[in-house]
Amino acid sequence: MRCSSDLRKRVIDFVRGGGSKAAAARRFQVSRASVYHWVTAPDGLAYQRPGPRGPSRLDWAALRAHVQQYPDRTQKERAQHFGVSRHCIWYALRQMGVTWKKNDGLHRKRHPQVSLVVAEDLPPYRGIEVRGQAKIVDWDLGPIMHRMAVRYQGAAKAQDFVEAYKGIPMECLRIEPGKLRVWDAQDELGESE
């Protein structure tokens, strides 16, 4: 229940006159929390209705620009940036038709460490591991794919292989080697195998 401004003024005057906040709460029969609030508020006599302080207006154009500029930000980060709730961001993005899709390119930019392992699954279990940094490079993939197809499928099938992938969006990932590890389990298996 709201207290009158006259009562609030008397409580504030009592505390500013040297009385304690607890004594003011007992004397005027109000809660200590109310006394603390009235005394510390910039204007203790002004009444503020409880509940939300009014709608926070989200500028959708600014949000759309923010999404284009920072596509990998979370809803929580966007909410902090615009000073609104996460639900407000979720609702606005949903109304705009913006959905978060997994984009491996973004993850590779953030966490470029990569490990490539090639190993035999039969004795002598030889293998090689290359650890390094992954970088997305803008190369023409046609000649690269043609060389790979010639090597693994033969010259006759190479052009068909390249043609099958034309028009499909692809990224080229270059692994810049950092650490190389090679193993051979022949010693542990013995000479019989």
Protein backbone atom coordinates (compact mmCIF):
# COMPACT_ATOMS: atom_id res chain seq x y z
CA MET A 1 0.00 0.00 0.00
CA ARG A 2 1.30 3.41 -0.92
CA CYS A 3 2.25 5.76 1.91
CA SER A 4 1.28 9.41 1.73
CA SER A 5 3.85 11.99 0.73
CA ASP A 6 3.31 13.70 4.10
CA LEU A 7 4.38 10.53 5.95
CA ARG A 8 7.40 10.08 3.68
CA LYS A 9 8.42 13.71 4.29
CA ARG A 10 8.20 13.26 8.07
CA VAL A 11 10.30 10.07 7.91
CA ILE A 12 12.96 11.74 5.74
CA ASP A 13 13.06 14.80 8.02
CA PHE A 14 13.38 12.54 11.09
CA VAL A 15 16.38 10.68 9.61
CA ARG A 16 18.05 13.85 8.30
CA GLY A 17 17.52 15.41 11.73
CA GLY A 18 19.76 12.76 13.30
CA GLY A 19 17.41 9.84 13.95
CA SER A 20 18.34 6.34 12.85
CA LYS A 21 16.55 4.61 10.03
CA ALA A 22 15.50 1.74 12.30
CA ALA A 23 14.07 4.21 14.85
CA ALA A 24 12.19 5.98 12.05
CA ALA A 25 10.71 2.68 10.89
CA ARG A 26 9.51 1.87 14.44
CA ARG A 27 8.23 5.36 15.19
CA PHE A 28 6.24 5.77 11.94
CA GLN A 29 5.31 2.08 11.65
CA VAL A 30 6.75 1.49 8.18
CA SER A 31 9.25 -1.07 7.00
CA ARG A 32 12.96 -0.38 7.26
CA ALA A 33 13.26 -1.11 3.53
CA SER A 34 10.86 1.74 2.81
CA VAL A 35 12.83 4.12 5.03
CA TYR A 36 16.12 3.16 3.31
CA HIS A 37 14.51 3.58 -0.10
CA TRP A 38 12.99 6.98 0.68
CA VAL A 39 16.19 8.36 2.22
CA THR A 40 18.53 7.14 -0.54
CA ALA A 41 16.24 7.92 -3.49
CA PRO A 42 17.07 11.11 -5.44
CA ASP A 43 13.54 12.33 -4.73
CA GLY A 44 12.13 10.39 -1.80
CA LEU A 45 8.80 12.17 -2.02
CA ALA A 46 8.04 11.20 -5.62
CA TYR A 47 5.95 8.07 -5.99
CA GLN A 48 6.97 5.43 -8.49
CA ARG A 49 4.55 2.70 -9.39
CA PRO A 50 5.93 -0.79 -8.88
CA GLY A 51 6.61 -3.00 -11.88
CA PRO A 52 8.12 -2.27 -15.25
CA ARG A 53 9.24 1.30 -15.78
CA GLY A 54 7.74 1.48 -19.25
CA PRO A 55 8.60 -0.13 -22.50
CA SER A 56 12.17 -0.16 -23.71
CA ARG A 57 12.12 0.67 -27.35
CA LEU A 58 14.31 -1.48 -29.51
CA ASP A 59 15.43 0.06 -32.78
CA TRP A 60 14.90 -2.82 -35.22
CA ALA A 61 16.94 -1.16 -37.96
CA ALA A 62 19.87 -0.85 -35.57
CA LEU A 63 19.40 -4.49 -34.53
CA ARG A 64 19.37 -5.60 -38.18
CA ALA A 65 22.58 -3.65 -38.83
CA HIS A 66 24.13 -5.14 -35.68
CA VAL A 67 23.25 -8.66 -36.85
CA GLN A 68 24.90 -8.02 -40.23
CA GLN A 69 27.99 -6.49 -38.66
CA TYR A 70 28.37 -9.08 -35.86
CA PRO A 71 26.69 -12.29 -37.06
CA ASP A 72 28.25 -14.49 -34.37
CA ARG A 73 27.02 -12.53 -31.32
CA THR A 74 24.64 -14.28 -28.92
CA GLN A 75 21.19 -13.00 -27.98
CA LYS A 76 22.50 -12.24 -24.49
CA GLU A 77 25.30 -10.09 -25.90
CA ARG A 78 22.84 -8.27 -28.17
CA ALA A 79 20.49 -7.67 -25.22
CA GLN A 80 23.34 -6.11 -23.21
CA HIS A 81 24.35 -3.97 -26.19
CA PHE A 82 20.81 -2.57 -26.67
CA GLY A 83 19.85 -2.47 -22.97
CA VAL A 84 16.82 -4.75 -23.34
CA SER A 85 15.95 -8.28 -22.25
CA ARG A 86 17.13 -11.38 -24.08
CA HIS A 87 13.49 -12.23 -24.77
CA CYS A 88 13.06 -8.87 -26.50
CA ILE A 89 16.00 -9.70 -28.80
CA TRP A 90 14.65 -13.21 -29.42
CA TYR A 91 11.22 -11.85 -30.33
CA ALA A 92 12.60 -9.15 -32.63
CA LEU A 93 14.91 -11.59 -34.44
CA ARG A 94 12.05 -14.04 -34.84
CA GLN A 95 9.76 -11.34 -36.28
CA MET A 96 12.52 -10.26 -38.69
CA GLY A 97 13.01 -13.86 -39.82
CA VAL A 98 16.63 -13.94 -38.67
CA THR A 99 17.67 -17.40 -37.58
CA TRP A 100 20.99 -18.61 -36.31
CA LYS A 101 22.49 -21.19 -38.58
CA LYS A 102 25.61 -23.10 -37.84
CA ASN A 103 28.37 -21.60 -39.89
CA ASP A 104 31.57 -23.56 -39.60
CA GLY A 105 33.45 -20.68 -41.14
CA LEU A 106 32.68 -18.51 -38.12
CA HIS A 107 33.81 -21.25 -35.74
CA ARG A 108 37.04 -21.74 -37.68
CA LYS A 109 37.75 -18.02 -37.45
CA ARG A 110 37.21 -18.04 -33.70
CA HIS A 111 38.99 -21.36 -32.98
CA PRO A 112 41.40 -22.04 -35.83
CA GLN A 113 43.20 -24.99 -34.20
CA VAL A 114 42.83 -28.17 -36.22
CA SER A 115 44.19 -31.69 -36.10
CA LEU A 116 44.26 -34.07 -39.07
CA VAL A 117 44.93 -37.77 -38.42
CA VAL A 118 45.48 -40.44 -41.05
CA ALA A 119 46.06 -43.93 -39.67
CA GLU A 120 45.81 -47.57 -40.63
CA ASP A 121 43.25 -49.71 -38.86
CA LEU A 122 45.21 -52.93 -39.45
CA PRO A 123 48.71 -53.89 -38.28
CA PRO A 124 51.24 -52.35 -38.19
CA TYR A 125 48.93 -49.40 -37.32
CA ARG A 126 51.06 -46.66 -38.87
CA GLY A 127 49.77 -43.14 -38.74
CA ILE A 128 50.48 -39.47 -39.05
CA GLU A 129 48.95 -36.50 -37.26
CA VAL A 130 49.29 -32.88 -38.34
CA ARG A 131 48.28 -30.16 -35.91
CA GLY A 132 48.11 -26.58 -36.99
CA GLN A 133 46.07 -23.49 -37.70
CA ALA A 134 43.14 -23.62 -40.12
CA LYS A 135 42.67 -20.68 -42.45
CA ILE A 136 39.95 -20.14 -44.99
CA VAL A 137 41.60 -19.18 -48.27
CA ASP A 138 40.05 -17.78 -51.41
CA TRP A 139 41.45 -20.11 -54.04
CA ASP A 140 39.97 -21.34 -57.29
CA LEU A 141 39.06 -24.91 -56.34
CA GLY A 142 38.61 -26.20 -59.91
CA PRO A 143 42.30 -26.94 -60.62
CA ILE A 144 42.84 -28.33 -57.12
CA MET A 145 39.88 -30.68 -57.43
CA HIS A 146 41.04 -31.73 -60.92
CA ARG A 147 44.52 -32.64 -59.61
CA MET A 148 43.00 -34.67 -56.76
CA ALA A 149 40.58 -36.43 -59.10
CA VAL A 150 43.36 -37.34 -61.55
CA ARG A 151 45.41 -38.75 -58.70
CA TYR A 152 42.69 -40.81 -57.02
CA GLN A 153 40.16 -41.59 -59.80
CA GLY A 154 42.24 -41.39 -62.95
CA ALA A 155 42.39 -38.90 -65.81
CA ALA A 156 39.29 -40.32 -67.52
CA LYS A 157 36.99 -39.59 -64.56
CA ALA A 158 38.64 -36.38 -63.38
CA GLN A 159 36.66 -33.92 -65.51
CA ASP A 160 33.33 -35.58 -64.63
CA PHE A 161 34.24 -35.30 -60.96
CA VAL A 162 34.98 -31.55 -61.27
CA GLU A 163 31.78 -30.94 -63.29
CA ALA A 164 29.65 -32.68 -60.63
CA TYR A 165 30.71 -30.05 -58.05
CA LYS A 166 30.37 -26.94 -60.22
CA GLY A 167 27.95 -24.38 -58.81
CA ILE A 168 28.08 -25.84 -55.29
CA PRO A 169 29.35 -23.26 -52.78
CA MET A 170 32.54 -24.51 -51.14
CA GLU A 171 35.28 -23.14 -48.94
CA CYS A 172 38.93 -24.06 -49.13
CA LEU A 173 40.52 -24.73 -45.76
CA ARG A 174 44.31 -24.57 -45.60
CA ILE A 175 46.04 -26.19 -42.63
CA GLU A 176 49.27 -24.43 -41.79
CA PRO A 177 51.30 -27.14 -40.07
CA GLY A 178 52.45 -26.58 -36.55
CA LYS A 179 53.25 -29.97 -35.02
CA LEU A 180 53.82 -33.27 -36.80
CA ARG A 181 53.58 -36.68 -35.13
CA VAL A 182 54.24 -40.00 -36.86
CA TRP A 183 53.88 -43.45 -35.31
CA ASP A 184 54.41 -47.07 -36.18
CA ALA A 185 53.30 -49.86 -33.85
CA GLN A 186 55.47 -52.52 -35.56
CA ASP A 187 57.91 -52.59 -32.61
CA GLU A 188 55.17 -53.43 -30.11
CA LEU A 189 53.62 -56.11 -32.39
CA GLY A 190 56.85 -57.96 -33.12
CA GLU A 191 58.25 -59.17 -36.39
CA SER A 192 55.65 -61.93 -36.90
CA GLU A 193 52.90 -59.60 -38.00
